[in-house]
PDB file of N, CA and C in Angstrom:
ATOM      1  N   MET A   1      19.060  12.806  -9.560  1.00  0.00           N
ATOM      2  CA  MET A   1      17.854  12.216  -9.009  1.00  0.00           C
ATOM      3  C   MET A   1      16.927  11.677 -10.097  1.00  0.00           C
ATOM      4  N   ALA A   2      17.132  12.100 -11.325  1.00  0.00           N
ATOM      5  CA  ALA A   2      16.258  11.643 -12.406  1.00  0.00           C
ATOM      6  C   ALA A   2      16.774  10.302 -12.926  1.00  0.00           C
ATOM      7  N   ARG A   3      16.226   9.233 -12.365  1.00  0.00           N
ATOM      8  CA  ARG A   3      16.610   7.908 -12.832  1.00  0.00           C
ATOM      9  C   ARG A   3      15.421   6.971 -12.696  1.00  0.00           C
ATOM     10  N   GLU A   4      15.389   6.005 -13.567  1.00  0.00           N
ATOM     11  CA  GLU A   4      14.305   5.027 -13.550  1.00  0.00           C
ATOM     12  C   GLU A   4      14.319   4.267 -12.226  1.00  0.00           C
ATOM     13  N   GLY A   5      13.144   4.088 -11.665  1.00  0.00           N
ATOM     14  CA  GLY A   5      13.027   3.332 -10.429  1.00  0.00           C
ATOM     15  C   GLY A   5      13.209   4.142  -9.166  1.00  0.00           C
ATOM     16  N   LEU A   6      13.385   5.457  -9.290  1.00  0.00           N
ATOM     17  CA  LEU A   6      13.553   6.309  -8.119  1.00  0.00           C
ATOM     18  C   LEU A   6      12.487   7.406  -8.151  1.00  0.00           C
ATOM     19  N   THR A   7      11.728   7.493  -7.076  1.00  0.00           N
ATOM     20  CA  THR A   7      10.691   8.515  -6.975  1.00  0.00           C
ATOM     21  C   THR A   7      10.804   9.187  -5.619  1.00  0.00           C
ATOM     22  N   VAL A   8      10.780  10.506  -5.605  1.00  0.00           N
ATOM     23  CA  VAL A   8      10.814  11.265  -4.362  1.00  0.00           C
ATOM     24  C   VAL A   8       9.412  11.819  -4.115  1.00  0.00           C
ATOM     25  N   PHE A   9       8.904  11.583  -2.926  1.00  0.00           N
ATOM     26  CA  PHE A   9       7.588  12.072  -2.537  1.00  0.00           C
ATOM     27  C   PHE A   9       7.785  13.202  -1.534  1.00  0.00           C
ATOM     28  N   VAL A  10       7.029  14.274  -1.685  1.00  0.00           N
ATOM     29  CA  VAL A  10       7.165  15.419  -0.794  1.00  0.00           C
ATOM     30  C   VAL A  10       5.792  15.895  -0.325  1.00  0.00           C
ATOM     31  N   SER A  11       5.805  16.535   0.819  1.00  0.00           N
ATOM     32  CA  SER A  11       4.612  17.190   1.341  1.00  0.00           C
ATOM     33  C   SER A  11       4.952  18.665   1.519  1.00  0.00           C
ATOM     34  N   PRO A  12       4.412  19.517   0.644  1.00  0.00           N
ATOM     35  CA  PRO A  12       4.714  20.946   0.740  1.00  0.00           C
ATOM     36  C   PRO A  12       3.653  21.701   1.543  1.00  0.00           C
ATOM     37  N   VAL A  13       4.097  22.738   2.218  1.00  0.00           N
ATOM     38  CA  VAL A  13       3.203  23.695   2.859  1.00  0.00           C
ATOM     39  C   VAL A  13       3.673  25.060   2.388  1.00  0.00           C
ATOM     40  N   GLU A  14       2.805  25.738   1.642  1.00  0.00           N
ATOM     41  CA  GLU A  14       3.158  26.996   0.996  1.00  0.00           C
ATOM     42  C   GLU A  14       4.419  26.795   0.165  1.00  0.00           C
ATOM     43  N   ASN A  15       5.504  27.454   0.449  1.00  0.00           N
ATOM     44  CA  ASN A  15       6.725  27.303  -0.346  1.00  0.00           C
ATOM     45  C   ASN A  15       7.791  26.473   0.356  1.00  0.00           C
ATOM     46  N   GLN A  16       7.388  25.660   1.330  1.00  0.00           N
ATOM     47  CA  GLN A  16       8.348  24.884   2.113  1.00  0.00           C
ATOM     48  C   GLN A  16       8.010  23.396   2.023  1.00  0.00           C
ATOM     49  N   LEU A  17       9.040  22.557   1.803  1.00  0.00           N
ATOM     50  CA  LEU A  17       8.849  21.112   1.875  1.00  0.00           C
ATOM     51  C   LEU A  17       8.980  20.711   3.333  1.00  0.00           C
ATOM     52  N   VAL A  18       7.927  20.083   3.871  1.00  0.00           N
ATOM     53  CA  VAL A  18       7.958  19.745   5.291  1.00  0.00           C
ATOM     54  C   VAL A  18       8.181  18.263   5.535  1.00  0.00           C
ATOM     55  N   ALA A  19       7.980  17.427   4.514  1.00  0.00           N
ATOM     56  CA  ALA A  19       8.230  15.989   4.664  1.00  0.00           C
ATOM     57  C   ALA A  19       8.622  15.411   3.314  1.00  0.00           C
ATOM     58  N   THR A  20       9.409  14.353   3.375  1.00  0.00           N
ATOM     59  CA  THR A  20       9.859  13.708   2.149  1.00  0.00           C
ATOM     60  C   THR A  20      10.195  12.243   2.399  1.00  0.00           C
ATOM     61  N   CYS A  21      10.173  11.463   1.351  1.00  0.00           N
ATOM     62  CA  CYS A  21      10.715  10.110   1.376  1.00  0.00           C
ATOM     63  C   CYS A  21      11.036   9.707  -0.052  1.00  0.00           C
ATOM     64  N   THR A  22      11.913   8.735  -0.185  1.00  0.00           N
ATOM     65  CA  THR A  22      12.348   8.257  -1.489  1.00  0.00           C
ATOM     66  C   THR A  22      11.997   6.790  -1.631  1.00  0.00           C
ATOM     67  N   LEU A  23      11.384   6.441  -2.744  1.00  0.00           N
ATOM     68  CA  LEU A  23      11.066   5.049  -3.063  1.00  0.00           C
ATOM     69  C   LEU A  23      11.967   4.611  -4.205  1.00  0.00           C
ATOM     70  N   ILE A  24      12.662   3.513  -3.984  1.00  0.00           N
ATOM     71  CA  ILE A  24      13.541   2.949  -5.004  1.00  0.00           C
ATOM     72  C   ILE A  24      13.005   1.565  -5.339  1.00  0.00           C
ATOM     73  N   THR A  25      12.655   1.347  -6.597  1.00  0.00           N
ATOM     74  CA  THR A  25      12.207   0.020  -7.019  1.00  0.00           C
ATOM     75  C   THR A  25      13.336  -0.650  -7.781  1.00  0.00           C
ATOM     76  N   ALA A  26      13.444  -1.941  -7.581  1.00  0.00           N
ATOM     77  CA  ALA A  26      14.535  -2.695  -8.198  1.00  0.00           C
ATOM     78  C   ALA A  26      14.001  -4.017  -8.746  1.00  0.00           C
ATOM     79  N   PRO A  27      14.561  -4.455  -9.875  1.00  0.00           N
ATOM     80  CA  PRO A  27      14.160  -5.756 -10.410  1.00  0.00           C
ATOM     81  C   PRO A  27      14.544  -6.870  -9.442  1.00  0.00           C
ATOM     82  N   ASN A  28      13.913  -7.994  -9.612  1.00  0.00           N
ATOM     83  CA  ASN A  28      14.120  -9.110  -8.701  1.00  0.00           C
ATOM     84  C   ASN A  28      14.053 -10.408  -9.491  1.00  0.00           C
ATOM     85  N   LEU A  29      14.951 -11.305  -9.237  1.00  0.00           N
ATOM     86  CA  LEU A  29      14.930 -12.599  -9.919  1.00  0.00           C
ATOM     87  C   LEU A  29      13.939 -13.569  -9.294  1.00  0.00           C
ATOM     88  N   LEU A  30      13.608 -13.372  -8.031  1.00  0.00           N
ATOM     89  CA  LEU A  30      12.664 -14.248  -7.340  1.00  0.00           C
ATOM     90  C   LEU A  30      11.260 -13.676  -7.428  1.00  0.00           C
ATOM     91  N   ARG A  31      10.322 -14.333  -6.797  1.00  0.00           N
ATOM     92  CA  ARG A  31       8.928 -13.868  -6.764  1.00  0.00           C
ATOM     93  C   ARG A  31       8.365 -13.657  -8.161  1.00  0.00           C
ATOM     94  N   ALA A  32       8.664 -14.584  -9.046  1.00  0.00           N
ATOM     95  CA  ALA A  32       8.183 -14.530 -10.440  1.00  0.00           C
ATOM     96  C   ALA A  32       8.617 -13.238 -11.134  1.00  0.00           C
ATOM     97  N   GLY A  33       9.753 -12.702 -10.712  1.00  0.00           N
ATOM     98  CA  GLY A  33      10.280 -11.505 -11.345  1.00  0.00           C
ATOM     99  C   GLY A  33       9.655 -10.208 -10.867  1.00  0.00           C
ATOM    100  N   ARG A  34       8.783 -10.275  -9.865  1.00  0.00           N
ATOM    101  CA  ARG A  34       8.173  -9.043  -9.352  1.00  0.00           C
ATOM    102  C   ARG A  34       9.226  -8.220  -8.627  1.00  0.00           C
ATOM    103  N   ALA A  35       9.226  -6.944  -8.875  1.00  0.00           N
ATOM    104  CA  ALA A  35      10.191  -6.033  -8.266  1.00  0.00           C
ATOM    105  C   ALA A  35       9.998  -5.961  -6.755  1.00  0.00           C
ATOM    106  N   HIS A  36      11.016  -5.478  -6.088  1.00  0.00           N
ATOM    107  CA  HIS A  36      10.857  -5.101  -4.690  1.00  0.00           C
ATOM    108  C   HIS A  36      11.264  -3.632  -4.572  1.00  0.00           C
ATOM    109  N   ALA A  37      10.928  -3.035  -3.447  1.00  0.00           N
ATOM    110  CA  ALA A  37      11.176  -1.604  -3.287  1.00  0.00           C
ATOM    111  C   ALA A  37      11.827  -1.338  -1.939  1.00  0.00           C
ATOM    112  N   PHE A  38      12.505  -0.200  -1.891  1.00  0.00           N
ATOM    113  CA  PHE A  38      13.176   0.253  -0.685  1.00  0.00           C
ATOM    114  C   PHE A  38      12.696   1.668  -0.387  1.00  0.00           C
ATOM    115  N   LEU A  39      12.364   1.903   0.857  1.00  0.00           N
ATOM    116  CA  LEU A  39      11.953   3.236   1.279  1.00  0.00           C
ATOM    117  C   LEU A  39      13.123   3.857   2.037  1.00  0.00           C
ATOM    118  N   GLU A  40      13.540   5.026   1.596  1.00  0.00           N
ATOM    119  CA  GLU A  40      14.716   5.690   2.156  1.00  0.00           C
ATOM    120  C   GLU A  40      14.409   7.154   2.454  1.00  0.00           C
ATOM    121  N   ASN A  41      15.264   7.753   3.256  1.00  0.00           N
ATOM    122  CA  ASN A  41      15.248   9.197   3.499  1.00  0.00           C
ATOM    123  C   ASN A  41      13.889   9.729   3.934  1.00  0.00           C
ATOM    124  N   VAL A  42      13.233   8.999   4.823  1.00  0.00           N
ATOM    125  CA  VAL A  42      11.965   9.477   5.379  1.00  0.00           C
ATOM    126  C   VAL A  42      12.296  10.559   6.408  1.00  0.00           C
ATOM    127  N   ALA A  43      11.787  11.755   6.177  1.00  0.00           N
ATOM    128  CA  ALA A  43      12.085  12.858   7.095  1.00  0.00           C
ATOM    129  C   ALA A  43      10.945  13.855   7.099  1.00  0.00           C
ATOM    130  N   THR A  44      10.629  14.335   8.290  1.00  0.00           N
ATOM    131  CA  THR A  44       9.647  15.409   8.461  1.00  0.00           C
ATOM    132  C   THR A  44      10.291  16.486   9.329  1.00  0.00           C
ATOM    133  N   HIS A  45      10.174  17.723   8.891  1.00  0.00           N
ATOM    134  CA  HIS A  45      10.713  18.839   9.671  1.00  0.00           C
ATOM    135  C   HIS A  45      10.095  18.806  11.065  1.00  0.00           C
ATOM    136  N   ARG A  46      10.918  18.997  12.080  1.00  0.00           N
ATOM    137  CA  ARG A  46      10.438  18.838  13.468  1.00  0.00           C
ATOM    138  C   ARG A  46       9.250  19.745  13.782  1.00  0.00           C
ATOM    139  N   ASP A  47       9.162  20.921  13.171  1.00  0.00           N
ATOM    140  CA  ASP A  47       8.041  21.817  13.443  1.00  0.00           C
ATOM    141  C   ASP A  47       6.723  21.313  12.862  1.00  0.00           C
ATOM    142  N   TRP A  48       6.806  20.329  11.963  1.00  0.00           N
ATOM    143  CA  TRP A  48       5.610  19.814  11.290  1.00  0.00           C
ATOM    144  C   TRP A  48       5.293  18.371  11.657  1.00  0.00           C
ATOM    145  N   GLN A  49       6.048  17.782  12.558  1.00  0.00           N
ATOM    146  CA  GLN A  49       5.802  16.397  12.952  1.00  0.00           C
ATOM    147  C   GLN A  49       4.476  16.277  13.686  1.00  0.00           C
ATOM    148  N   GLY A  50       3.844  15.127  13.526  1.00  0.00           N
ATOM    149  CA  GLY A  50       2.573  14.863  14.198  1.00  0.00           C
ATOM    150  C   GLY A  50       1.364  15.456  13.506  1.00  0.00           C
ATOM    151  N   ARG A  51       1.535  15.966  12.298  1.00  0.00           N
ATOM    152  CA  ARG A  51       0.424  16.590  11.569  1.00  0.00           C
ATOM    153  C   ARG A  51       0.019  15.804  10.322  1.00  0.00           C
ATOM    154  N   GLY A  52       0.585  14.607  10.132  1.00  0.00           N
ATOM    155  CA  GLY A  52       0.176  13.757   9.017  1.00  0.00           C
ATOM    156  C   GLY A  52       1.017  13.863   7.762  1.00  0.00           C
ATOM    157  N   HIS A  53       2.017  14.730   7.764  1.00  0.00           N
ATOM    158  CA  HIS A  53       2.818  14.899   6.549  1.00  0.00           C
ATOM    159  C   HIS A  53       3.697  13.681   6.266  1.00  0.00           C
ATOM    160  N   GLY A  54       4.336  13.140   7.289  1.00  0.00           N
ATOM    161  CA  GLY A  54       5.143  11.939   7.113  1.00  0.00           C
ATOM    162  C   GLY A  54       4.291  10.758   6.681  1.00  0.00           C
ATOM    163  N   ARG A  55       3.158  10.598   7.328  1.00  0.00           N
ATOM    164  CA  ARG A  55       2.226   9.523   6.966  1.00  0.00           C
ATOM    165  C   ARG A  55       1.789   9.670   5.516  1.00  0.00           C
ATOM    166  N   ALA A  56       1.551  10.883   5.070  1.00  0.00           N
ATOM    167  CA  ALA A  56       1.093  11.110   3.695  1.00  0.00           C
ATOM    168  C   ALA A  56       2.151  10.696   2.675  1.00  0.00           C
ATOM    169  N   VAL A  57       3.420  11.100   2.889  1.00  0.00           N
ATOM    170  CA  VAL A  57       4.437  10.762   1.884  1.00  0.00           C
ATOM    171  C   VAL A  57       4.730   9.263   1.880  1.00  0.00           C
ATOM    172  N   VAL A  58       4.758   8.642   3.052  1.00  0.00           N
ATOM    173  CA  VAL A  58       5.014   7.199   3.103  1.00  0.00           C
ATOM    174  C   VAL A  58       3.835   6.436   2.494  1.00  0.00           C
ATOM    175  N   SER A  59       2.619   6.853   2.776  1.00  0.00           N
ATOM    176  CA  SER A  59       1.448   6.187   2.189  1.00  0.00           C
ATOM    177  C   SER A  59       1.450   6.292   0.673  1.00  0.00           C
ATOM    178  N   CYS A  60       1.808   7.447   0.145  1.00  0.00           N
ATOM    179  CA  CYS A  60       1.891   7.618  -1.311  1.00  0.00           C
ATOM    180  C   CYS A  60       2.977   6.722  -1.902  1.00  0.00           C
ATOM    181  N   ALA A  61       4.098   6.616  -1.208  1.00  0.00           N
ATOM    182  CA  ALA A  61       5.181   5.751  -1.683  1.00  0.00           C
ATOM    183  C   ALA A  61       4.742   4.292  -1.689  1.00  0.00           C
ATOM    184  N   LEU A  62       4.042   3.861  -0.641  1.00  0.00           N
ATOM    185  CA  LEU A  62       3.542   2.483  -0.598  1.00  0.00           C
ATOM    186  C   LEU A  62       2.542   2.239  -1.722  1.00  0.00           C
ATOM    187  N   ASP A  63       1.635   3.181  -1.933  1.00  0.00           N
ATOM    188  CA  ASP A  63       0.672   3.049  -3.034  1.00  0.00           C
ATOM    189  C   ASP A  63       1.384   2.900  -4.375  1.00  0.00           C
ATOM    190  N   ALA A  64       2.448   3.676  -4.581  1.00  0.00           N
ATOM    191  CA  ALA A  64       3.206   3.594  -5.832  1.00  0.00           C
ATOM    192  C   ALA A  64       3.891   2.239  -5.968  1.00  0.00           C
ATOM    193  N   ALA A  65       4.416   1.716  -4.872  1.00  0.00           N
ATOM    194  CA  ALA A  65       5.065   0.396  -4.913  1.00  0.00           C
ATOM    195  C   ALA A  65       4.057  -0.691  -5.258  1.00  0.00           C
ATOM    196  N   TRP A  66       2.886  -0.636  -4.653  1.00  0.00           N
ATOM    197  CA  TRP A  66       1.867  -1.659  -4.947  1.00  0.00           C
ATOM    198  C   TRP A  66       1.368  -1.502  -6.380  1.00  0.00           C
ATOM    199  N   ALA A  67       1.236  -0.277  -6.866  1.00  0.00           N
ATOM    200  CA  ALA A  67       0.803  -0.052  -8.258  1.00  0.00           C
ATOM    201  C   ALA A  67       1.846  -0.574  -9.242  1.00  0.00           C
ATOM    202  N   ALA A  68       3.122  -0.585  -8.832  1.00  0.00           N
ATOM    203  CA  ALA A  68       4.201  -1.109  -9.679  1.00  0.00           C
ATOM    204  C   ALA A  68       4.351  -2.622  -9.519  1.00  0.00           C
ATOM    205  N   ASN A  69       3.427  -3.236  -8.787  1.00  0.00           N
ATOM    206  CA  ASN A  69       3.407  -4.680  -8.561  1.00  0.00           C
ATOM    207  C   ASN A  69       4.623  -5.180  -7.776  1.00  0.00           C
ATOM    208  N   CYS A  70       5.177  -4.350  -6.914  1.00  0.00           N
ATOM    209  CA  CYS A  70       6.263  -4.799  -6.040  1.00  0.00           C
ATOM    210  C   CYS A  70       5.704  -5.808  -5.036  1.00  0.00           C
ATOM    211  N   HIS A  71       6.489  -6.799  -4.711  1.00  0.00           N
ATOM    212  CA  HIS A  71       6.004  -7.800  -3.757  1.00  0.00           C
ATOM    213  C   HIS A  71       6.276  -7.394  -2.313  1.00  0.00           C
ATOM    214  N   GLN A  72       7.193  -6.458  -2.080  1.00  0.00           N
ATOM    215  CA  GLN A  72       7.447  -5.971  -0.728  1.00  0.00           C
ATOM    216  C   GLN A  72       8.139  -4.613  -0.788  1.00  0.00           C
ATOM    217  N   VAL A  73       8.039  -3.895   0.318  1.00  0.00           N
ATOM    218  CA  VAL A  73       8.781  -2.646   0.479  1.00  0.00           C
ATOM    219  C   VAL A  73       9.615  -2.812   1.743  1.00  0.00           C
ATOM    220  N   LEU A  74      10.905  -2.625   1.595  1.00  0.00           N
ATOM    221  CA  LEU A  74      11.836  -2.761   2.714  1.00  0.00           C
ATOM    222  C   LEU A  74      12.199  -1.387   3.263  1.00  0.00           C
ATOM    223  N   LEU A  75      12.366  -1.321   4.566  1.00  0.00           N
ATOM    224  CA  LEU A  75      12.697  -0.076   5.247  1.00  0.00           C
ATOM    225  C   LEU A  75      13.625  -0.412   6.399  1.00  0.00           C
ATOM    226  N   GLN A  76      14.660   0.372   6.563  1.00  0.00           N
ATOM    227  CA  GLN A  76      15.540   0.249   7.718  1.00  0.00           C
ATOM    228  C   GLN A  76      15.536   1.565   8.476  1.00  0.00           C
ATOM    229  N   SER A  77      15.675   1.471   9.777  1.00  0.00           N
ATOM    230  CA  SER A  77      15.766   2.680  10.589  1.00  0.00           C
ATOM    231  C   SER A  77      16.899   2.523  11.586  1.00  0.00           C
ATOM    232  N   GLY A  78      17.708   3.547  11.697  1.00  0.00           N
ATOM    233  CA  GLY A  78      18.772   3.568  12.684  1.00  0.00           C
ATOM    234  C   GLY A  78      18.387   4.354  13.927  1.00  0.00           C
ATOM    235  N   ARG A  79      17.132   4.747  13.999  1.00  0.00           N
ATOM    236  CA  ARG A  79      16.665   5.573  15.116  1.00  0.00           C
ATOM    237  C   ARG A  79      16.293   4.703  16.315  1.00  0.00           C
ATOM    238  N   ALA A  80      16.665   5.131  17.505  1.00  0.00           N
ATOM    239  CA  ALA A  80      16.345   4.408  18.729  1.00  0.00           C
ATOM    240  C   ALA A  80      15.002   4.837  19.320  1.00  0.00           C
ATOM    241  N   ASP A  81      14.476   5.957  18.887  1.00  0.00           N
ATOM    242  CA  ASP A  81      13.232   6.510  19.426  1.00  0.00           C
ATOM    243  C   ASP A  81      12.066   5.567  19.121  1.00  0.00           C
ATOM    244  N   PRO A  82      11.407   5.023  20.133  1.00  0.00           N
ATOM    245  CA  PRO A  82      10.301   4.087  19.893  1.00  0.00           C
ATOM    246  C   PRO A  82       9.144   4.710  19.111  1.00  0.00           C
ATOM    247  N   ARG A  83       8.986   6.033  19.175  1.00  0.00           N
ATOM    248  CA  ARG A  83       7.910   6.690  18.413  1.00  0.00           C
ATOM    249  C   ARG A  83       8.125   6.531  16.915  1.00  0.00           C
ATOM    250  N   VAL A  84       9.388   6.514  16.486  1.00  0.00           N
ATOM    251  CA  VAL A  84       9.696   6.326  15.063  1.00  0.00           C
ATOM    252  C   VAL A  84       9.230   4.943  14.620  1.00  0.00           C
ATOM    253  N   HIS A  85       9.522   3.934  15.431  1.00  0.00           N
ATOM    254  CA  HIS A  85       9.138   2.567  15.078  1.00  0.00           C
ATOM    255  C   HIS A  85       7.623   2.383  15.138  1.00  0.00           C
ATOM    256  N   GLN A  86       6.960   3.019  16.088  1.00  0.00           N
ATOM    257  CA  GLN A  86       5.496   2.977  16.151  1.00  0.00           C
ATOM    258  C   GLN A  86       4.888   3.612  14.905  1.00  0.00           C
ATOM    259  N   PHE A  87       5.489   4.706  14.445  1.00  0.00           N
ATOM    260  CA  PHE A  87       5.033   5.375  13.225  1.00  0.00           C
ATOM    261  C   PHE A  87       5.045   4.397  12.048  1.00  0.00           C
ATOM    262  N   TYR A  88       6.172   3.697  11.854  1.00  0.00           N
ATOM    263  CA  TYR A  88       6.275   2.760  10.733  1.00  0.00           C
ATOM    264  C   TYR A  88       5.324   1.578  10.900  1.00  0.00           C
ATOM    265  N   GLU A  89       5.186   1.082  12.106  1.00  0.00           N
ATOM    266  CA  GLU A  89       4.297  -0.053  12.335  1.00  0.00           C
ATOM    267  C   GLU A  89       2.839   0.317  12.057  1.00  0.00           C
ATOM    268  N   LYS A  90       2.437   1.538  12.390  1.00  0.00           N
ATOM    269  CA  LYS A  90       1.069   1.991  12.098  1.00  0.00           C
ATOM    270  C   LYS A  90       0.814   2.064  10.592  1.00  0.00           C
ATOM    271  N   LEU A  91       1.884   2.210   9.817  1.00  0.00           N
ATOM    272  CA  LEU A  91       1.756   2.272   8.356  1.00  0.00           C
ATOM    273  C   LEU A  91       1.859   0.894   7.705  1.00  0.00           C
ATOM    274  N   GLY A  92       1.968  -0.160   8.521  1.00  0.00           N
ATOM    275  CA  GLY A  92       1.954  -1.521   7.988  1.00  0.00           C
ATOM    276  C   GLY A  92       3.295  -2.233   7.942  1.00  0.00           C
ATOM    277  N   PHE A  93       4.370  -1.567   8.361  1.00  0.00           N
ATOM    278  CA  PHE A  93       5.672  -2.225   8.385  1.00  0.00           C
ATOM    279  C   PHE A  93       5.756  -3.139   9.606  1.00  0.00           C
ATOM    280  N   VAL A  94       6.313  -4.322   9.400  1.00  0.00           N
ATOM    281  CA  VAL A  94       6.421  -5.320  10.461  1.00  0.00           C
ATOM    282  C   VAL A  94       7.896  -5.498  10.816  1.00  0.00           C
ATOM    283  N   PRO A  95       8.260  -5.243  12.078  1.00  0.00           N
ATOM    284  CA  PRO A  95       9.666  -5.402  12.458  1.00  0.00           C
ATOM    285  C   PRO A  95      10.031  -6.881  12.616  1.00  0.00           C
ATOM    286  N   GLY A  96      11.307  -7.169  12.459  1.00  0.00           N
ATOM    287  CA  GLY A  96      11.818  -8.491  12.777  1.00  0.00           C
ATOM    288  C   GLY A  96      11.674  -9.555  11.708  1.00  0.00           C
ATOM    289  N   LEU A  97      11.125  -9.231  10.554  1.00  0.00           N
ATOM    290  CA  LEU A  97      10.965 -10.242   9.513  1.00  0.00           C
ATOM    291  C   LEU A  97      12.266 -10.512   8.769  1.00  0.00           C
ATOM    292  N   ARG A  98      13.159  -9.554   8.798  1.00  0.00           N
ATOM    293  CA  ARG A  98      14.449  -9.648   8.104  1.00  0.00           C
ATOM    294  C   ARG A  98      15.550  -9.188   9.048  1.00  0.00           C
ATOM    295  N   THR A  99      16.764  -9.567   8.735  1.00  0.00           N
ATOM    296  CA  THR A  99      17.934  -9.065   9.442  1.00  0.00           C
ATOM    297  C   THR A  99      18.687  -8.149   8.493  1.00  0.00           C
ATOM    298  N   ALA A 100      18.986  -6.958   8.941  1.00  0.00           N
ATOM    299  CA  ALA A 100      19.684  -5.994   8.092  1.00  0.00           C
ATOM    300  C   ALA A 100      21.173  -6.005   8.411  1.00  0.00           C
ATOM    301  N   TYR A 101      21.966  -5.828   7.382  1.00  0.00           N
ATOM    302  CA  TYR A 101      23.421  -5.704   7.516  1.00  0.00           C
ATOM    303  C   TYR A 101      23.841  -4.442   6.785  1.00  0.00           C
ATOM    304  N   CYS A 102      24.941  -3.877   7.210  1.00  0.00           N
ATOM    305  CA  CYS A 102      25.428  -2.662   6.586  1.00  0.00           C
ATOM    306  C   CYS A 102      26.939  -2.739   6.412  1.00  0.00           C
ATOM    307  N   ALA A 103      27.412  -2.481   5.229  1.00  0.00           N
ATOM    308  CA  ALA A 103      28.853  -2.413   4.974  1.00  0.00           C
ATOM    309  C   ALA A 103      29.199  -0.985   4.615  1.00  0.00           C
ATOM    310  N   HIS A 104      30.238  -0.468   5.205  1.00  0.00           N
ATOM    311  CA  HIS A 104      30.722   0.882   4.905  1.00  0.00           C
ATOM    312  C   HIS A 104      31.999   0.794   4.080  1.00  0.00           C
ATOM    313  N   ARG A 105      32.214   1.797   3.268  1.00  0.00           N
ATOM    314  CA  ARG A 105      33.493   1.892   2.546  1.00  0.00           C
ATOM    315  C   ARG A 105      34.604   1.894   3.587  1.00  0.00           C
ATOM    316  N   PRO A 106      35.658   1.130   3.375  1.00  0.00           N
ATOM    317  CA  PRO A 106      36.737   1.056   4.375  1.00  0.00           C
ATOM    318  C   PRO A 106      37.328   2.426   4.733  1.00  0.00           C
ATOM    319  N   ASP A 107      37.358   3.349   3.801  1.00  0.00           N
ATOM    320  CA  ASP A 107      37.944   4.658   4.096  1.00  0.00           C
ATOM    321  C   ASP A 107      36.965   5.603   4.801  1.00  0.00           C
ATOM    322  N   GLU A 108      35.744   5.152   5.071  1.00  0.00           N
ATOM    323  CA  GLU A 108      34.751   5.997   5.739  1.00  0.00           C
ATOM    324  C   GLU A 108      34.399   5.500   7.126  1.00  0.00           C
ATOM    325  N   ILE A 109      35.151   4.570   7.658  1.00  0.00           N
ATOM    326  CA  ILE A 109      34.845   4.031   8.992  1.00  0.00           C
ATOM    327  C   ILE A 109      35.434   4.923  10.062  1.00  0.00           C
TER     328      ILE A 109
END
């Protein structure tokens, strides 16, 4: 996990991590060379959902991306639950601006 361009954000309560997300920044040839970022592994323990922990880690990740002068942060979700999408939209993510594609290793299909 210790690599340049990768930051893990966590929300701890006592000795337990209740929410996390990973921000990955990558160089970019476009946008005058400004990096872009990817938000991955956003998760909040079900017993702690709705208490602001997920919002806190994602907000910190976005702040870090903007401080690194990233021109955008990309996020994909495979969840069908509309509450998940409402959560991201409240944090400033706009659906439908891009089309996502996914390729799997042939031996993992």
